[in-house]
Amino acid sequence: MSLSLENVEAFWKIVESNLSTILDTNSEEIAVYEKLLQALDDIHPELYYEFLLDGEDNMMLVLSAHGNSKLFADVESIVKAAPVLTNLHVFALMPAIGFAEEIFWQGMEIALDSLFFTISQQENKRRLTIYSTLFNVPLEAEEQDDLEYTILRAIEEGVGERVFAQSIDETIFLAQQETKNEPLLPLSDLMNSL
C-alpha cells in the first residue's frame, strides 16, 4: 500500500499541536483522541494507536497494526516521519513490555494466572491455543470476540507485536476443560516458547 504523505503529516501535526494534552495523564480531552483516531484511520483503517506509560512514567505512543504483518512496513514508515516530540517516545508496533498480572475486560479483572496455552504444529501452521475457564461459559458472539481481542492485545504487550506475528500463524481459544490431557503452560511463560 502506498501511504499518503499528506495524511501522515496531518496525523503528526495533530500530535504536535496537542502534545501538552497528550502528556497530561489526567486529561479527559476526548476530542483530541478522536481526532487522532480519525487521522490514523485516514492513513489506513487497520492502524491503531495507544498511549502507555513505561516503568519510569515516560509517555509512549505506540502505532500498531494489531498483528497484521502486511502493515508493519507502513507503521514503520509513519513512525520514521514523526517529528521530534519532547517527552513522548514513539514506537512502531507494540514493544514487549511484559505481561500485566491482570487483564481488564468489560469491567472485570482476569488474572493472568488463569490463562494457559499450548503451541502445536497444524498443517504447516504454528498454532497457539489459549485455554481459560472463561470459555467454559457460553458467551454471545460479540462478547467472545471482544474477550479474544483483549487477550490477543495482552499477548502483544507481553511478547511484542512483531515477535507474536512472526512466531504464531493462528490463535484459537478453548474452554479449559477441552485440554485433551495436554500439558498446559501459564500464559506468562509464552515468550519462552516462541
Protein backbone atom coordinates (compact mmCIF):
# COMPACT_ATOMS: atom_id res chain seq x y z
CA MET A 1 0.00 0.00 0.00
CA SER A 2 1.20 3.48 -0.77
CA LEU A 3 0.83 5.84 2.17
CA SER A 4 -0.45 9.34 1.63
CA LEU A 5 2.33 11.63 2.84
CA GLU A 6 -0.29 14.35 3.31
CA ASN A 7 -2.29 12.13 5.70
CA VAL A 8 0.82 11.10 7.62
CA GLU A 9 1.84 14.75 8.04
CA ALA A 10 -1.70 15.63 9.18
CA PHE A 11 -1.55 12.92 11.85
CA TRP A 12 1.75 14.19 13.22
CA LYS A 13 0.51 17.81 13.19
CA ILE A 14 -2.39 16.77 15.41
CA VAL A 15 0.03 15.03 17.79
CA GLU A 16 2.35 18.06 17.84
CA SER A 17 -0.38 20.63 18.36
CA ASN A 18 -1.95 18.63 21.19
CA LEU A 19 1.22 17.40 22.87
CA SER A 20 0.55 19.07 26.23
CA THR A 21 -2.89 17.43 26.41
CA ILE A 22 -1.45 14.06 25.38
CA LEU A 23 1.27 14.25 28.05
CA ASP A 24 -1.24 15.19 30.76
CA THR A 25 -2.22 11.80 32.17
CA ASN A 26 -5.23 13.40 33.89
CA SER A 27 -6.58 14.97 30.70
CA GLU A 28 -10.06 14.00 29.63
CA GLU A 29 -9.97 15.79 26.27
CA ILE A 30 -11.70 13.03 24.33
CA ALA A 31 -11.90 15.20 21.19
CA VAL A 32 -8.09 15.12 20.83
CA TYR A 33 -8.04 11.32 20.83
CA GLU A 34 -10.95 11.15 18.41
CA LYS A 35 -9.06 13.47 16.03
CA LEU A 36 -6.00 11.25 16.29
CA LEU A 37 -8.05 8.15 15.60
CA GLN A 38 -9.69 9.76 12.56
CA ALA A 39 -6.33 10.97 11.23
CA LEU A 40 -4.86 7.49 11.63
CA ASP A 41 -7.94 5.98 10.01
CA ASP A 42 -7.38 8.36 7.07
CA ILE A 43 -3.91 6.83 6.69
CA HIS A 44 -5.21 3.26 6.93
CA PRO A 45 -8.35 1.92 8.64
CA GLU A 46 -6.50 -1.04 10.17
CA LEU A 47 -3.95 1.00 12.12
CA TYR A 48 -4.30 1.84 15.78
CA TYR A 49 -2.60 3.91 18.41
CA GLU A 50 -2.16 3.52 22.13
CA PHE A 51 -0.67 5.75 24.79
CA LEU A 52 1.17 3.96 27.60
CA LEU A 53 3.39 4.90 30.49
CA ASP A 54 6.64 2.99 30.73
CA GLY A 55 8.10 1.85 34.05
CA GLU A 56 9.61 5.30 34.60
CA ASP A 57 6.35 7.17 33.86
CA ASN A 58 7.52 8.29 30.42
CA MET A 59 4.69 8.62 27.92
CA MET A 60 4.83 6.25 24.94
CA LEU A 61 2.84 6.48 21.73
CA VAL A 62 2.59 3.09 20.05
CA LEU A 63 1.35 2.80 16.48
CA SER A 64 0.11 -0.70 15.81
CA ALA A 65 -1.31 -2.92 13.11
CA HIS A 66 -2.61 -5.36 15.76
CA GLY A 67 -0.51 -8.16 14.38
CA ASN A 68 -1.24 -7.63 10.68
CA SER A 69 2.30 -8.13 9.40
CA LYS A 70 1.34 -6.86 5.93
CA LEU A 71 1.06 -3.39 7.50
CA PHE A 72 4.27 -3.43 9.57
CA ALA A 73 6.31 -1.55 6.96
CA ASP A 74 3.61 1.13 6.75
CA VAL A 75 3.62 1.57 10.52
CA GLU A 76 7.40 1.87 10.48
CA SER A 77 7.22 4.50 7.70
CA ILE A 78 4.72 6.55 9.68
CA VAL A 79 6.93 6.46 12.77
CA LYS A 80 10.01 7.42 10.72
CA ALA A 81 8.09 10.52 9.60
CA ALA A 82 7.44 11.61 13.19
CA PRO A 83 8.80 14.98 14.23
CA VAL A 84 10.88 15.31 17.40
CA LEU A 85 8.33 15.18 20.21
CA THR A 86 9.63 16.27 23.60
CA ASN A 87 8.74 13.78 26.37
CA LEU A 88 6.86 11.46 24.03
CA HIS A 89 8.54 8.25 22.90
CA VAL A 90 7.08 6.91 19.65
CA PHE A 91 7.17 3.22 18.76
CA ALA A 92 6.32 1.34 15.58
CA LEU A 93 4.47 -1.77 16.74
CA MET A 94 3.81 -2.77 20.32
CA PRO A 95 7.12 -3.44 22.06
CA ALA A 96 7.45 -6.31 24.52
CA ILE A 97 6.62 -4.59 27.79
CA GLY A 98 5.79 -7.78 29.67
CA PHE A 99 2.55 -9.29 30.84
CA ALA A 100 0.40 -7.43 33.33
CA GLU A 101 -0.74 -9.50 36.30
CA GLU A 102 -4.32 -8.94 35.26
CA ILE A 103 -6.20 -8.11 32.09
CA PHE A 104 -9.29 -5.93 32.19
CA TRP A 105 -12.32 -6.96 30.16
CA GLN A 106 -15.80 -5.44 30.45
CA GLY A 107 -15.11 -4.12 33.95
CA MET A 108 -13.77 -7.48 35.13
CA GLU A 109 -10.22 -8.34 36.17
CA ILE A 110 -8.89 -11.51 34.59
CA ALA A 111 -5.89 -12.84 36.47
CA LEU A 112 -3.05 -13.69 34.11
CA ASP A 113 -2.51 -16.92 36.01
CA SER A 114 -5.98 -18.08 34.89
CA LEU A 115 -4.83 -18.20 31.24
CA PHE A 116 -2.87 -21.13 29.83
CA PHE A 117 -1.54 -22.13 26.43
CA THR A 118 -0.14 -24.83 24.21
CA ILE A 119 1.67 -24.44 20.90
CA SER A 120 1.29 -27.05 18.19
CA GLN A 121 2.13 -27.50 14.54
CA GLN A 122 -1.00 -27.93 12.38
CA GLU A 123 -0.70 -28.24 8.60
CA ASN A 124 2.43 -26.09 8.31
CA LYS A 125 0.97 -23.55 10.72
CA ARG A 126 2.15 -22.84 14.21
CA ARG A 127 -1.00 -22.72 16.33
CA LEU A 128 -1.32 -21.06 19.72
CA THR A 129 -4.23 -22.39 21.75
CA ILE A 130 -5.35 -20.31 24.72
CA TYR A 131 -7.25 -22.11 27.46
CA SER A 132 -9.31 -20.49 30.18
CA THR A 133 -12.27 -21.26 32.40
CA LEU A 134 -13.73 -18.02 30.99
CA PHE A 135 -14.54 -20.01 27.85
CA ASN A 136 -16.36 -22.70 29.88
CA VAL A 137 -19.44 -20.47 29.96
CA PRO A 138 -21.11 -19.77 26.61
CA LEU A 139 -20.72 -16.14 25.58
CA GLU A 140 -22.57 -14.14 22.97
CA ALA A 141 -20.53 -13.98 19.74
CA GLU A 142 -19.71 -10.30 20.26
CA GLU A 143 -18.57 -10.91 23.84
CA GLN A 144 -16.45 -13.86 22.72
CA ASP A 145 -14.79 -11.75 20.00
CA ASP A 146 -14.16 -8.92 22.46
CA LEU A 147 -12.64 -11.26 25.06
CA GLU A 148 -10.38 -12.88 22.45
CA TYR A 149 -9.32 -9.44 21.18
CA THR A 150 -8.48 -8.34 24.73
CA ILE A 151 -6.34 -11.42 25.32
CA LEU A 152 -4.56 -11.00 21.97
CA ARG A 153 -3.69 -7.38 22.84
CA ALA A 154 -2.33 -8.55 26.20
CA ILE A 155 -0.16 -11.12 24.38
CA GLU A 156 1.18 -8.44 22.03
CA GLU A 157 2.14 -6.33 25.05
CA GLY A 158 3.67 -9.35 26.74
CA VAL A 159 5.90 -10.60 23.92
CA GLY A 160 5.85 -7.76 21.39
CA GLU A 161 3.69 -7.37 18.31
CA ARG A 162 6.37 -8.33 15.78
CA VAL A 163 7.55 -11.41 17.70
CA PHE A 164 3.99 -12.62 18.15
CA ALA A 165 3.04 -12.09 14.50
CA GLN A 166 6.20 -13.77 13.20
CA SER A 167 6.03 -16.72 15.61
CA ILE A 168 2.37 -17.71 15.54
CA ASP A 169 0.24 -18.33 12.45
CA GLU A 170 -3.12 -18.76 14.15
CA THR A 171 -4.63 -18.49 17.62
CA ILE A 172 -7.63 -20.37 18.90
CA PHE A 173 -9.42 -20.13 22.23
CA LEU A 174 -10.84 -23.11 24.11
CA ALA A 175 -12.50 -23.84 27.42
CA GLN A 176 -10.02 -25.17 29.92
CA GLN A 177 -11.92 -28.45 30.14
CA GLU A 178 -11.03 -29.14 26.47
CA THR A 179 -7.33 -29.73 27.11
CA LYS A 180 -7.22 -33.35 25.91
CA ASN A 181 -4.63 -34.06 28.63
CA GLU A 182 -2.09 -31.72 27.03
CA PRO A 183 0.32 -30.14 29.49
CA LEU A 184 -0.73 -26.51 29.83
CA LEU A 185 1.74 -23.71 30.35
CA PRO A 186 0.91 -20.41 32.04
CA LEU A 187 0.46 -17.59 29.53
CA SER A 188 3.15 -15.60 31.35
CA ASP A 189 5.68 -18.19 30.02
CA LEU A 190 4.73 -17.66 26.37
CA MET A 191 7.90 -15.76 25.43
CA ASN A 192 10.00 -18.79 26.40
CA SER A 193 8.10 -20.91 23.82
CA LEU A 194 8.34 -18.59 20.83
